[in-house]
PDB file of N, CA and C in Angstrom:
ATOM      1  N   UNK A   1       6.628  -6.728 -27.574  1.00  0.00           N
ATOM      2  CA  UNK A   1       7.964  -6.346 -27.184  1.00  0.00           C
ATOM      3  C   UNK A   1       7.942  -5.501 -25.901  1.00  0.00           C
ATOM      4  N   UNK A   2       6.930  -4.662 -25.761  1.00  0.00           N
ATOM      5  CA  UNK A   2       6.810  -3.831 -24.572  1.00  0.00           C
ATOM      6  C   UNK A   2       6.708  -4.696 -23.318  1.00  0.00           C
ATOM      7  N   UNK A   3       5.948  -5.754 -23.394  1.00  0.00           N
ATOM      8  CA  UNK A   3       5.776  -6.654 -22.256  1.00  0.00           C
ATOM      9  C   UNK A   3       7.104  -7.316 -21.867  1.00  0.00           C
ATOM     10  N   UNK A   4       7.899  -7.676 -22.875  1.00  0.00           N
ATOM     11  CA  UNK A   4       9.172  -8.325 -22.615  1.00  0.00           C
ATOM     12  C   UNK A   4      10.102  -7.387 -21.844  1.00  0.00           C
ATOM     13  N   UNK A   5      10.142  -6.108 -22.221  1.00  0.00           N
ATOM     14  CA  UNK A   5      10.975  -5.142 -21.517  1.00  0.00           C
ATOM     15  C   UNK A   5      10.502  -4.965 -20.084  1.00  0.00           C
ATOM     16  N   UNK A   6       9.196  -4.922 -19.900  1.00  0.00           N
ATOM     17  CA  UNK A   6       8.649  -4.775 -18.555  1.00  0.00           C
ATOM     18  C   UNK A   6       9.002  -5.995 -17.717  1.00  0.00           C
ATOM     19  N   UNK A   7       8.888  -7.177 -18.306  1.00  0.00           N
ATOM     20  CA  UNK A   7       9.219  -8.402 -17.580  1.00  0.00           C
ATOM     21  C   UNK A   7      10.701  -8.408 -17.209  1.00  0.00           C
ATOM     22  N   UNK A   8      11.548  -7.963 -18.103  1.00  0.00           N
ATOM     23  CA  UNK A   8      12.979  -7.892 -17.815  1.00  0.00           C
ATOM     24  C   UNK A   8      13.273  -6.936 -16.677  1.00  0.00           C
ATOM     25  N   UNK A   9      12.596  -5.798 -16.668  1.00  0.00           N
ATOM     26  CA  UNK A   9      12.781  -4.841 -15.590  1.00  0.00           C
ATOM     27  C   UNK A   9      12.284  -5.404 -14.269  1.00  0.00           C
ATOM     28  N   UNK A  10      11.129  -6.077 -14.301  1.00  0.00           N
ATOM     29  CA  UNK A  10      10.584  -6.679 -13.079  1.00  0.00           C
ATOM     30  C   UNK A  10      11.557  -7.706 -12.499  1.00  0.00           C
ATOM     31  N   UNK A  11      12.159  -8.510 -13.361  1.00  0.00           N
ATOM     32  CA  UNK A  11      13.140  -9.492 -12.893  1.00  0.00           C
ATOM     33  C   UNK A  11      14.333  -8.790 -12.255  1.00  0.00           C
ATOM     34  N   UNK A  12      14.824  -7.752 -12.927  1.00  0.00           N
ATOM     35  CA  UNK A  12      15.955  -6.986 -12.396  1.00  0.00           C
ATOM     36  C   UNK A  12      15.599  -6.374 -11.046  1.00  0.00           C
ATOM     37  N   UNK A  13      14.433  -5.747 -10.973  1.00  0.00           N
ATOM     38  CA  UNK A  13      13.996  -5.091  -9.734  1.00  0.00           C
ATOM     39  C   UNK A  13      13.853  -6.107  -8.612  1.00  0.00           C
ATOM     40  N   UNK A  14      13.211  -7.237  -8.885  1.00  0.00           N
ATOM     41  CA  UNK A  14      13.035  -8.270  -7.858  1.00  0.00           C
ATOM     42  C   UNK A  14      14.372  -8.766  -7.328  1.00  0.00           C
ATOM     43  N   UNK A  15      15.305  -8.999  -8.226  1.00  0.00           N
ATOM     44  CA  UNK A  15      16.630  -9.474  -7.812  1.00  0.00           C
ATOM     45  C   UNK A  15      17.351  -8.421  -6.979  1.00  0.00           C
ATOM     46  N   UNK A  16      17.281  -7.176  -7.421  1.00  0.00           N
ATOM     47  CA  UNK A  16      17.936  -6.074  -6.704  1.00  0.00           C
ATOM     48  C   UNK A  16      17.320  -5.908  -5.310  1.00  0.00           C
ATOM     49  N   UNK A  17      16.003  -5.995  -5.207  1.00  0.00           N
ATOM     50  CA  UNK A  17      15.322  -5.869  -3.915  1.00  0.00           C
ATOM     51  C   UNK A  17      15.695  -7.019  -2.974  1.00  0.00           C
ATOM     52  N   UNK A  18      15.870  -8.211  -3.540  1.00  0.00           N
ATOM     53  CA  UNK A  18      16.230  -9.382  -2.745  1.00  0.00           C
ATOM     54  C   UNK A  18      17.661  -9.314  -2.221  1.00  0.00           C
ATOM     55  N   UNK A  19      18.566  -8.813  -3.053  1.00  0.00           N
ATOM     56  CA  UNK A  19      19.987  -8.898  -2.726  1.00  0.00           C
ATOM     57  C   UNK A  19      20.572  -7.680  -2.018  1.00  0.00           C
ATOM     58  N   UNK A  20      19.908  -6.538  -2.121  1.00  0.00           N
ATOM     59  CA  UNK A  20      20.504  -5.305  -1.608  1.00  0.00           C
ATOM     60  C   UNK A  20      19.592  -4.642  -0.574  1.00  0.00           C
ATOM     61  N   UNK A  21      19.858  -4.849   0.720  1.00  0.00           N
ATOM     62  CA  UNK A  21      18.993  -4.289   1.771  1.00  0.00           C
ATOM     63  C   UNK A  21      18.901  -2.760   1.724  1.00  0.00           C
ATOM     64  N   UNK A  22      19.977  -2.075   1.388  1.00  0.00           N
ATOM     65  CA  UNK A  22      19.946  -0.613   1.306  1.00  0.00           C
ATOM     66  C   UNK A  22      19.029  -0.171   0.177  1.00  0.00           C
ATOM     67  N   UNK A  23      19.123  -0.840  -0.970  1.00  0.00           N
ATOM     68  CA  UNK A  23      18.255  -0.535  -2.101  1.00  0.00           C
ATOM     69  C   UNK A  23      16.794  -0.764  -1.715  1.00  0.00           C
ATOM     70  N   UNK A  24      16.537  -1.853  -0.991  1.00  0.00           N
ATOM     71  CA  UNK A  24      15.174  -2.163  -0.539  1.00  0.00           C
ATOM     72  C   UNK A  24      14.639  -1.056   0.357  1.00  0.00           C
ATOM     73  N   UNK A  25      15.436  -0.591   1.320  1.00  0.00           N
ATOM     74  CA  UNK A  25      15.003   0.501   2.206  1.00  0.00           C
ATOM     75  C   UNK A  25      14.726   1.773   1.414  1.00  0.00           C
ATOM     76  N   UNK A  26      15.647   2.115   0.499  1.00  0.00           N
ATOM     77  CA  UNK A  26      15.480   3.330  -0.306  1.00  0.00           C
ATOM     78  C   UNK A  26      14.247   3.230  -1.200  1.00  0.00           C
ATOM     79  N   UNK A  27      14.052   2.069  -1.800  1.00  0.00           N
ATOM     80  CA  UNK A  27      12.901   1.837  -2.674  1.00  0.00           C
ATOM     81  C   UNK A  27      11.603   1.987  -1.872  1.00  0.00           C
ATOM     82  N   UNK A  28      11.561   1.362  -0.695  1.00  0.00           N
ATOM     83  CA  UNK A  28      10.367   1.438   0.154  1.00  0.00           C
ATOM     84  C   UNK A  28      10.098   2.881   0.572  1.00  0.00           C
ATOM     85  N   UNK A  29      11.142   3.617   0.884  1.00  0.00           N
ATOM     86  CA  UNK A  29      10.988   5.021   1.288  1.00  0.00           C
ATOM     87  C   UNK A  29      10.405   5.847   0.138  1.00  0.00           C
ATOM     88  N   UNK A  30      10.882   5.624  -1.073  1.00  0.00           N
ATOM     89  CA  UNK A  30      10.389   6.371  -2.232  1.00  0.00           C
ATOM     90  C   UNK A  30       8.952   5.992  -2.566  1.00  0.00           C
ATOM     91  N   UNK A  31       8.642   4.722  -2.495  1.00  0.00           N
ATOM     92  CA  UNK A  31       7.269   4.284  -2.766  1.00  0.00           C
ATOM     93  C   UNK A  31       6.321   4.892  -1.737  1.00  0.00           C
ATOM     94  N   UNK A  32       6.761   4.988  -0.483  1.00  0.00           N
ATOM     95  CA  UNK A  32       5.927   5.546   0.581  1.00  0.00           C
ATOM     96  C   UNK A  32       5.595   7.014   0.336  1.00  0.00           C
ATOM     97  N   UNK A  33       6.381   7.704  -0.475  1.00  0.00           N
ATOM     98  CA  UNK A  33       6.117   9.109  -0.797  1.00  0.00           C
ATOM     99  C   UNK A  33       5.022   9.248  -1.854  1.00  0.00           C
ATOM    100  N   UNK A  34       4.716   8.176  -2.553  1.00  0.00           N
ATOM    101  CA  UNK A  34       3.695   8.195  -3.597  1.00  0.00           C
ATOM    102  C   UNK A  34       2.309   8.289  -2.973  1.00  0.00           C
ATOM    103  N   UNK A  35       1.336   8.820  -3.737  1.00  0.00           N
ATOM    104  CA  UNK A  35      -0.041   8.811  -3.233  1.00  0.00           C
ATOM    105  C   UNK A  35      -0.474   7.377  -2.918  1.00  0.00           C
ATOM    106  N   UNK A  36      -1.314   7.221  -1.921  1.00  0.00           N
ATOM    107  CA  UNK A  36      -1.757   5.900  -1.489  1.00  0.00           C
ATOM    108  C   UNK A  36      -2.386   5.110  -2.632  1.00  0.00           C
ATOM    109  N   UNK A  37      -3.116   5.788  -3.497  1.00  0.00           N
ATOM    110  CA  UNK A  37      -3.752   5.085  -4.621  1.00  0.00           C
ATOM    111  C   UNK A  37      -2.702   4.490  -5.556  1.00  0.00           C
ATOM    112  N   UNK A  38      -1.606   5.196  -5.746  1.00  0.00           N
ATOM    113  CA  UNK A  38      -0.512   4.699  -6.593  1.00  0.00           C
ATOM    114  C   UNK A  38       0.192   3.535  -5.899  1.00  0.00           C
ATOM    115  N   UNK A  39       0.348   3.632  -4.587  1.00  0.00           N
ATOM    116  CA  UNK A  39       0.961   2.537  -3.843  1.00  0.00           C
ATOM    117  C   UNK A  39       0.133   1.259  -3.980  1.00  0.00           C
ATOM    118  N   UNK A  40      -1.190   1.405  -3.928  1.00  0.00           N
ATOM    119  CA  UNK A  40      -2.054   0.233  -4.092  1.00  0.00           C
ATOM    120  C   UNK A  40      -1.904  -0.368  -5.486  1.00  0.00           C
ATOM    121  N   UNK A  41      -1.783   0.480  -6.492  1.00  0.00           N
ATOM    122  CA  UNK A  41      -1.598  -0.010  -7.861  1.00  0.00           C
ATOM    123  C   UNK A  41      -0.256  -0.741  -7.986  1.00  0.00           C
ATOM    124  N   UNK A  42       0.777  -0.181  -7.379  1.00  0.00           N
ATOM    125  CA  UNK A  42       2.090  -0.838  -7.408  1.00  0.00           C
ATOM    126  C   UNK A  42       2.036  -2.189  -6.713  1.00  0.00           C
ATOM    127  N   UNK A  43       1.386  -2.246  -5.571  1.00  0.00           N
ATOM    128  CA  UNK A  43       1.282  -3.512  -4.844  1.00  0.00           C
ATOM    129  C   UNK A  43       0.473  -4.536  -5.633  1.00  0.00           C
ATOM    130  N   UNK A  44      -0.583  -4.078  -6.288  1.00  0.00           N
ATOM    131  CA  UNK A  44      -1.372  -4.994  -7.125  1.00  0.00           C
ATOM    132  C   UNK A  44      -0.492  -5.591  -8.212  1.00  0.00           C
ATOM    133  N   UNK A  45       0.328  -4.741  -8.821  1.00  0.00           N
ATOM    134  CA  UNK A  45       1.242  -5.217  -9.862  1.00  0.00           C
ATOM    135  C   UNK A  45       2.285  -6.173  -9.323  1.00  0.00           C
ATOM    136  N   UNK A  46       2.824  -5.884  -8.130  1.00  0.00           N
ATOM    137  CA  UNK A  46       3.836  -6.753  -7.519  1.00  0.00           C
ATOM    138  C   UNK A  46       3.244  -8.130  -7.214  1.00  0.00           C
ATOM    139  N   UNK A  47       1.946  -8.160  -6.901  1.00  0.00           N
ATOM    140  CA  UNK A  47       1.293  -9.438  -6.592  1.00  0.00           C
ATOM    141  C   UNK A  47       0.709 -10.090  -7.843  1.00  0.00           C
ATOM    142  N   UNK A  48       0.969  -9.462  -8.995  1.00  0.00           N
ATOM    143  CA  UNK A  48       0.531  -9.982 -10.298  1.00  0.00           C
ATOM    144  C   UNK A  48      -0.976 -10.207 -10.364  1.00  0.00           C
ATOM    145  N   UNK A  49      -1.725  -9.238  -9.846  1.00  0.00           N
ATOM    146  CA  UNK A  49      -3.184  -9.278  -9.918  1.00  0.00           C
ATOM    147  C   UNK A  49      -3.662  -8.269 -10.954  1.00  0.00           C
ATOM    148  N   UNK A  50      -4.685  -8.619 -11.704  1.00  0.00           N
ATOM    149  CA  UNK A  50      -5.260  -7.681 -12.656  1.00  0.00           C
ATOM    150  C   UNK A  50      -6.292  -6.811 -11.950  1.00  0.00           C
ATOM    151  N   UNK A  51      -6.624  -5.696 -12.573  1.00  0.00           N
ATOM    152  CA  UNK A  51      -7.682  -4.847 -12.030  1.00  0.00           C
ATOM    153  C   UNK A  51      -8.993  -5.607 -11.985  1.00  0.00           C
ATOM    154  N   UNK A  52      -9.227  -6.472 -12.956  1.00  0.00           N
ATOM    155  CA  UNK A  52     -10.473  -7.248 -13.002  1.00  0.00           C
ATOM    156  C   UNK A  52     -10.581  -8.188 -11.801  1.00  0.00           C
ATOM    157  N   UNK A  53      -9.473  -8.816 -11.425  1.00  0.00           N
ATOM    158  CA  UNK A  53      -9.482  -9.723 -10.271  1.00  0.00           C
ATOM    159  C   UNK A  53      -9.751  -8.940  -8.988  1.00  0.00           C
ATOM    160  N   UNK A  54      -9.080  -7.795  -8.845  1.00  0.00           N
ATOM    161  CA  UNK A  54      -9.286  -6.960  -7.654  1.00  0.00           C
ATOM    162  C   UNK A  54     -10.736  -6.483  -7.602  1.00  0.00           C
ATOM    163  N   UNK A  55     -11.277  -6.087  -8.748  1.00  0.00           N
ATOM    164  CA  UNK A  55     -12.672  -5.628  -8.808  1.00  0.00           C
ATOM    165  C   UNK A  55     -13.626  -6.735  -8.378  1.00  0.00           C
ATOM    166  N   UNK A  56     -13.382  -7.934  -8.846  1.00  0.00           N
ATOM    167  CA  UNK A  56     -14.216  -9.080  -8.481  1.00  0.00           C
ATOM    168  C   UNK A  56     -14.176  -9.308  -6.970  1.00  0.00           C
ATOM    169  N   UNK A  57     -12.985  -9.248  -6.395  1.00  0.00           N
ATOM    170  CA  UNK A  57     -12.842  -9.437  -4.947  1.00  0.00           C
ATOM    171  C   UNK A  57     -13.515  -8.325  -4.143  1.00  0.00           C
ATOM    172  N   UNK A  58     -13.547  -7.111  -4.712  1.00  0.00           N
ATOM    173  CA  UNK A  58     -14.157  -5.965  -4.029  1.00  0.00           C
ATOM    174  C   UNK A  58     -15.660  -5.878  -4.267  1.00  0.00           C
ATOM    175  N   UNK A  59     -16.151  -6.580  -5.288  1.00  0.00           N
ATOM    176  CA  UNK A  59     -17.565  -6.499  -5.629  1.00  0.00           C
ATOM    177  C   UNK A  59     -17.902  -5.240  -6.414  1.00  0.00           C
ATOM    178  N   UNK A  60     -16.933  -4.746  -7.204  1.00  0.00           N
ATOM    179  CA  UNK A  60     -17.149  -3.574  -8.058  1.00  0.00           C
ATOM    180  C   UNK A  60     -16.742  -3.939  -9.479  1.00  0.00           C
ATOM    181  N   UNK A  61     -16.894  -2.995 -10.399  1.00  0.00           N
ATOM    182  CA  UNK A  61     -16.474  -3.236 -11.776  1.00  0.00           C
ATOM    183  C   UNK A  61     -15.046  -2.746 -11.990  1.00  0.00           C
ATOM    184  N   UNK A  62     -14.378  -3.304 -12.986  1.00  0.00           N
ATOM    185  CA  UNK A  62     -12.976  -2.990 -13.254  1.00  0.00           C
ATOM    186  C   UNK A  62     -12.705  -1.498 -13.444  1.00  0.00           C
ATOM    187  N   UNK A  63     -13.574  -0.737 -14.144  1.00  0.00           N
ATOM    188  CA  UNK A  63     -13.290   0.692 -14.288  1.00  0.00           C
ATOM    189  C   UNK A  63     -13.202   1.438 -12.951  1.00  0.00           C
ATOM    190  N   UNK A  64     -13.922   0.957 -11.946  1.00  0.00           N
ATOM    191  CA  UNK A  64     -13.835   1.581 -10.626  1.00  0.00           C
ATOM    192  C   UNK A  64     -12.429   1.392 -10.037  1.00  0.00           C
ATOM    193  N   UNK A  65     -11.856   0.215 -10.206  1.00  0.00           N
ATOM    194  CA  UNK A  65     -10.493  -0.028  -9.711  1.00  0.00           C
ATOM    195  C   UNK A  65      -9.508   0.853 -10.479  1.00  0.00           C
ATOM    196  N   UNK A  66      -9.688   0.961 -11.788  1.00  0.00           N
ATOM    197  CA  UNK A  66      -8.806   1.819 -12.590  1.00  0.00           C
ATOM    198  C   UNK A  66      -8.883   3.264 -12.104  1.00  0.00           C
ATOM    199  N   UNK A  67     -10.090   3.720 -11.815  1.00  0.00           N
ATOM    200  CA  UNK A  67     -10.280   5.083 -11.314  1.00  0.00           C
ATOM    201  C   UNK A  67      -9.595   5.260  -9.959  1.00  0.00           C
ATOM    202  N   UNK A  68      -9.715   4.265  -9.106  1.00  0.00           N
ATOM    203  CA  UNK A  68      -9.124   4.341  -7.771  1.00  0.00           C
ATOM    204  C   UNK A  68      -7.600   4.368  -7.808  1.00  0.00           C
ATOM    205  N   UNK A  69      -6.997   3.862  -8.870  1.00  0.00           N
ATOM    206  CA  UNK A  69      -5.541   3.799  -8.958  1.00  0.00           C
ATOM    207  C   UNK A  69      -4.917   5.059  -9.555  1.00  0.00           C
ATOM    208  N   UNK A  70      -5.738   5.988  -9.972  1.00  0.00           N
ATOM    209  CA  UNK A  70      -5.185   7.244 -10.514  1.00  0.00           C
ATOM    210  C   UNK A  70      -4.583   8.062  -9.390  1.00  0.00           C
ATOM    211  N   UNK A  71      -3.507   8.791  -9.684  1.00  0.00           N
ATOM    212  CA  UNK A  71      -2.844   9.561  -8.633  1.00  0.00           C
ATOM    213  C   UNK A  71      -3.644  10.784  -8.197  1.00  0.00           C
ATOM    214  N   UNK A  72      -4.639  11.195  -8.984  1.00  0.00           N
ATOM    215  CA  UNK A  72      -5.454  12.350  -8.599  1.00  0.00           C
ATOM    216  C   UNK A  72      -6.795  11.951  -7.969  1.00  0.00           C
ATOM    217  N   UNK A  73      -6.993  10.666  -7.747  1.00  0.00           N
ATOM    218  CA  UNK A  73      -8.234  10.184  -7.141  1.00  0.00           C
ATOM    219  C   UNK A  73      -8.159  10.342  -5.624  1.00  0.00           C
ATOM    220  N   UNK A  74      -9.230  10.815  -5.017  1.00  0.00           N
ATOM    221  CA  UNK A  74      -9.284  11.015  -3.573  1.00  0.00           C
ATOM    222  C   UNK A  74     -10.329  10.061  -2.991  1.00  0.00           C
ATOM    223  N   UNK A  75      -9.914   8.842  -2.667  1.00  0.00           N
ATOM    224  CA  UNK A  75     -10.876   7.830  -2.234  1.00  0.00           C
ATOM    225  C   UNK A  75     -11.291   7.985  -0.777  1.00  0.00           C
ATOM    226  N   UNK A  76     -12.404   7.365  -0.454  1.00  0.00           N
ATOM    227  CA  UNK A  76     -12.821   7.262   0.951  1.00  0.00           C
ATOM    228  C   UNK A  76     -11.938   6.206   1.610  1.00  0.00           C
ATOM    229  N   UNK A  77     -11.726   6.350   2.903  1.00  0.00           N
ATOM    230  CA  UNK A  77     -10.891   5.406   3.632  1.00  0.00           C
ATOM    231  C   UNK A  77     -11.425   3.983   3.505  1.00  0.00           C
ATOM    232  N   UNK A  78     -12.744   3.832   3.554  1.00  0.00           N
ATOM    233  CA  UNK A  78     -13.329   2.490   3.449  1.00  0.00           C
ATOM    234  C   UNK A  78     -13.007   1.844   2.098  1.00  0.00           C
ATOM    235  N   UNK A  79     -12.921   2.650   1.040  1.00  0.00           N
ATOM    236  CA  UNK A  79     -12.557   2.126  -0.283  1.00  0.00           C
ATOM    237  C   UNK A  79     -11.105   1.681  -0.316  1.00  0.00           C
ATOM    238  N   UNK A  80     -10.240   2.452   0.320  1.00  0.00           N
ATOM    239  CA  UNK A  80      -8.817   2.102   0.376  1.00  0.00           C
ATOM    240  C   UNK A  80      -8.631   0.798   1.146  1.00  0.00           C
ATOM    241  N   UNK A  81      -9.321   0.675   2.273  1.00  0.00           N
ATOM    242  CA  UNK A  81      -9.224  -0.545   3.082  1.00  0.00           C
ATOM    243  C   UNK A  81      -9.726  -1.740   2.283  1.00  0.00           C
ATOM    244  N   UNK A  82     -10.846  -1.580   1.586  1.00  0.00           N
ATOM    245  CA  UNK A  82     -11.395  -2.676   0.779  1.00  0.00           C
ATOM    246  C   UNK A  82     -10.440  -3.085  -0.328  1.00  0.00           C
ATOM    247  N   UNK A  83      -9.826  -2.108  -0.993  1.00  0.00           N
ATOM    248  CA  UNK A  83      -8.891  -2.430  -2.069  1.00  0.00           C
ATOM    249  C   UNK A  83      -7.639  -3.100  -1.511  1.00  0.00           C
ATOM    250  N   UNK A  84      -7.147  -2.616  -0.391  1.00  0.00           N
ATOM    251  CA  UNK A  84      -5.969  -3.228   0.227  1.00  0.00           C
ATOM    252  C   UNK A  84      -6.253  -4.689   0.581  1.00  0.00           C
ATOM    253  N   UNK A  85      -7.416  -4.938   1.158  1.00  0.00           N
ATOM    254  CA  UNK A  85      -7.783  -6.321   1.506  1.00  0.00           C
ATOM    255  C   UNK A  85      -7.889  -7.198   0.269  1.00  0.00           C
ATOM    256  N   UNK A  86      -8.462  -6.647  -0.797  1.00  0.00           N
ATOM    257  CA  UNK A  86      -8.611  -7.410  -2.043  1.00  0.00           C
ATOM    258  C   UNK A  86      -7.255  -7.774  -2.639  1.00  0.00           C
ATOM    259  N   UNK A  87      -6.264  -6.946  -2.377  1.00  0.00           N
ATOM    260  CA  UNK A  87      -4.915  -7.189  -2.893  1.00  0.00           C
ATOM    261  C   UNK A  87      -4.139  -8.115  -1.955  1.00  0.00           C
ATOM    262  N   UNK A  88      -4.610  -8.239  -0.730  1.00  0.00           N
ATOM    263  CA  UNK A  88      -3.908  -9.067   0.251  1.00  0.00           C
ATOM    264  C   UNK A  88      -2.940  -8.251   1.092  1.00  0.00           C
ATOM    265  N   UNK A  89      -3.318  -7.006   1.385  1.00  0.00           N
ATOM    266  CA  UNK A  89      -2.495  -6.096   2.184  1.00  0.00           C
ATOM    267  C   UNK A  89      -3.329  -5.513   3.318  1.00  0.00           C
ATOM    268  N   UNK A  90      -2.674  -4.735   4.153  1.00  0.00           N
ATOM    269  CA  UNK A  90      -3.384  -4.000   5.192  1.00  0.00           C
ATOM    270  C   UNK A  90      -2.749  -2.627   5.337  1.00  0.00           C
ATOM    271  N   UNK A  91      -3.476  -1.732   5.963  1.00  0.00           N
ATOM    272  CA  UNK A  91      -2.963  -0.381   6.194  1.00  0.00           C
ATOM    273  C   UNK A  91      -2.346  -0.317   7.584  1.00  0.00           C
ATOM    274  N   UNK A  92      -1.323   0.516   7.702  1.00  0.00           N
ATOM    275  CA  UNK A  92      -0.645   0.661   8.980  1.00  0.00           C
ATOM    276  C   UNK A  92      -0.230   2.113   9.140  1.00  0.00           C
ATOM    277  N   UNK A  93      -0.506   2.687  10.297  1.00  0.00           N
ATOM    278  CA  UNK A  93      -0.079   4.049  10.589  1.00  0.00           C
ATOM    279  C   UNK A  93       1.262   3.993  11.303  1.00  0.00           C
ATOM    280  N   UNK A  94       2.223   4.745  10.789  1.00  0.00           N
ATOM    281  CA  UNK A  94       3.556   4.771  11.366  1.00  0.00           C
ATOM    282  C   UNK A  94       3.923   6.223  11.636  1.00  0.00           C
ATOM    283  N   UNK A  95       4.316   6.556  12.857  1.00  0.00           N
ATOM    284  CA  UNK A  95       4.697   7.938  13.141  1.00  0.00           C
ATOM    285  C   UNK A  95       5.886   8.366  12.282  1.00  0.00           C
ATOM    286  N   UNK A  96       5.857   9.592  11.801  1.00  0.00           N
ATOM    287  CA  UNK A  96       6.959  10.108  10.982  1.00  0.00           C
ATOM    288  C   UNK A  96       8.274  10.123  11.730  1.00  0.00           C
ATOM    289  N   UNK A  97       8.217  10.429  13.017  1.00  0.00           N
ATOM    290  CA  UNK A  97       9.451  10.544  13.791  1.00  0.00           C
ATOM    291  C   UNK A  97       9.894   9.225  14.404  1.00  0.00           C
ATOM    292  N   UNK A  98       9.172   8.152  14.131  1.00  0.00           N
ATOM    293  CA  UNK A  98       9.535   6.851  14.662  1.00  0.00           C
ATOM    294  C   UNK A  98       9.199   6.681  16.126  1.00  0.00           C
ATOM    295  N   UNK A  99       8.432   7.623  16.691  1.00  0.00           N
ATOM    296  CA  UNK A  99       8.078   7.553  18.102  1.00  0.00           C
ATOM    297  C   UNK A  99       7.229   6.323  18.380  1.00  0.00           C
ATOM    298  N   UNK A 100       7.390   5.799  19.540  1.00  0.00           N
ATOM    299  CA  UNK A 100       6.636   4.628  19.954  1.00  0.00           C
ATOM    300  C   UNK A 100       5.211   5.032  20.310  1.00  0.00           C
ATOM    301  N   UNK A 101       4.281   4.157  20.058  1.00  0.00           N
ATOM    302  CA  UNK A 101       2.897   4.395  20.455  1.00  0.00           C
ATOM    303  C   UNK A 101       2.665   3.983  21.907  1.00  0.00           C
ATOM    304  N   UNK A 102       3.660   3.357  22.518  1.00  0.00           N
ATOM    305  CA  UNK A 102       3.547   2.931  23.903  1.00  0.00           C
ATOM    306  C   UNK A 102       3.946   4.099  24.802  1.00  0.00           C
ATOM    307  N   UNK A 103       3.064   4.453  25.724  1.00  0.00           N
ATOM    308  CA  UNK A 103       3.370   5.541  26.651  1.00  0.00           C
ATOM    309  C   UNK A 103       4.362   5.056  27.691  1.00  0.00           C
ATOM    310  N   UNK A 104       5.250   5.957  28.069  1.00  0.00           N
ATOM    311  CA  UNK A 104       6.217   5.608  29.103  1.00  0.00           C
ATOM    312  C   UNK A 104       5.579   5.667  30.485  1.00  0.00           C
ATOM    313  N   UNK A 105       4.623   6.575  30.674  1.00  0.00           N
ATOM    314  CA  UNK A 105       3.916   6.676  31.946  1.00  0.00           C
ATOM    315  C   UNK A 105       2.470   6.257  31.735  1.00  0.00           C
ATOM    316  N   UNK A 106       1.901   5.535  32.688  1.00  0.00           N
ATOM    317  CA  UNK A 106       0.494   5.133  32.523  1.00  0.00           C
ATOM    318  C   UNK A 106      -0.422   6.354  32.574  1.00  0.00           C
ATOM    319  N   UNK A 107      -1.532   6.242  31.901  1.00  0.00           N
ATOM    320  CA  UNK A 107      -2.536   7.308  31.908  1.00  0.00           C
ATOM    321  C   UNK A 107      -3.304   7.217  33.226  1.00  0.00           C
ATOM    322  N   UNK A 108      -3.387   8.336  33.926  1.00  0.00           N
ATOM    323  CA  UNK A 108      -4.142   8.362  35.178  1.00  0.00           C
ATOM    324  C   UNK A 108      -5.591   8.712  34.871  1.00  0.00           C
ATOM    325  N   UNK A 109      -6.443   7.927  35.368  1.00  0.00           N
ATOM    326  CA  UNK A 109      -7.876   8.171  35.165  1.00  0.00           C
ATOM    327  C   UNK A 109      -8.440   8.836  36.419  1.00  0.00           C
ATOM    328  N   UNK A 110      -9.293   9.793  36.173  1.00  0.00           N
ATOM    329  CA  UNK A 110      -9.977  10.440  37.294  1.00  0.00           C
ATOM    330  C   UNK A 110     -11.078   9.547  37.795  1.00  0.00           C
ATOM    331  N   UNK A 111     -11.229   9.543  39.079  1.00  0.00           N
ATOM    332  CA  UNK A 111     -12.328   8.739  39.623  1.00  0.00           C
ATOM    333  C   UNK A 111     -13.634   9.501  39.410  1.00  0.00           C
ATOM    334  N   UNK A 112     -14.673   8.771  39.169  1.00  0.00           N
ATOM    335  CA  UNK A 112     -15.986   9.370  38.940  1.00  0.00           C
ATOM    336  C   UNK A 112     -16.687   9.571  40.277  1.00  0.00           C
ATOM    337  N   UNK A 113     -17.325  10.695  40.415  1.00  0.00           N
ATOM    338  CA  UNK A 113     -18.131  10.919  41.622  1.00  0.00           C
ATOM    339  C   UNK A 113     -19.511  10.337  41.395  1.00  0.00           C
ATOM    340  N   UNK A 114     -20.013   9.751  42.432  1.00  0.00           N
ATOM    341  CA  UNK A 114     -21.336   9.110  42.292  1.00  0.00           C
ATOM    342  C   UNK A 114     -22.367   9.860  43.031  1.00  0.00           C
TER     343      UNK A 114
END
């Protein structure tokens, strides 16, 4: 019965995310506030992958994936990248203020003396 309720909620959430752009933005903003390890677990669930499948793709055992998905786990960046790839995602750095990474003025290089 627990699975049925979860499936019903997933259907509701998927439909709401598809139909309501404001809800999608708000949902994405809230998920982004979660620890990265929790975000990876959520994405794994959204892609309907088990921890065992992710572990197989990463070349580790399932308990390691479970450990990595805990909100108090502090993983190495290389582990996060590997897990993201195994799930079919990538990491992206986005400035908090929305500033562009493109400089408006070119960087002047000093000439080297020989």
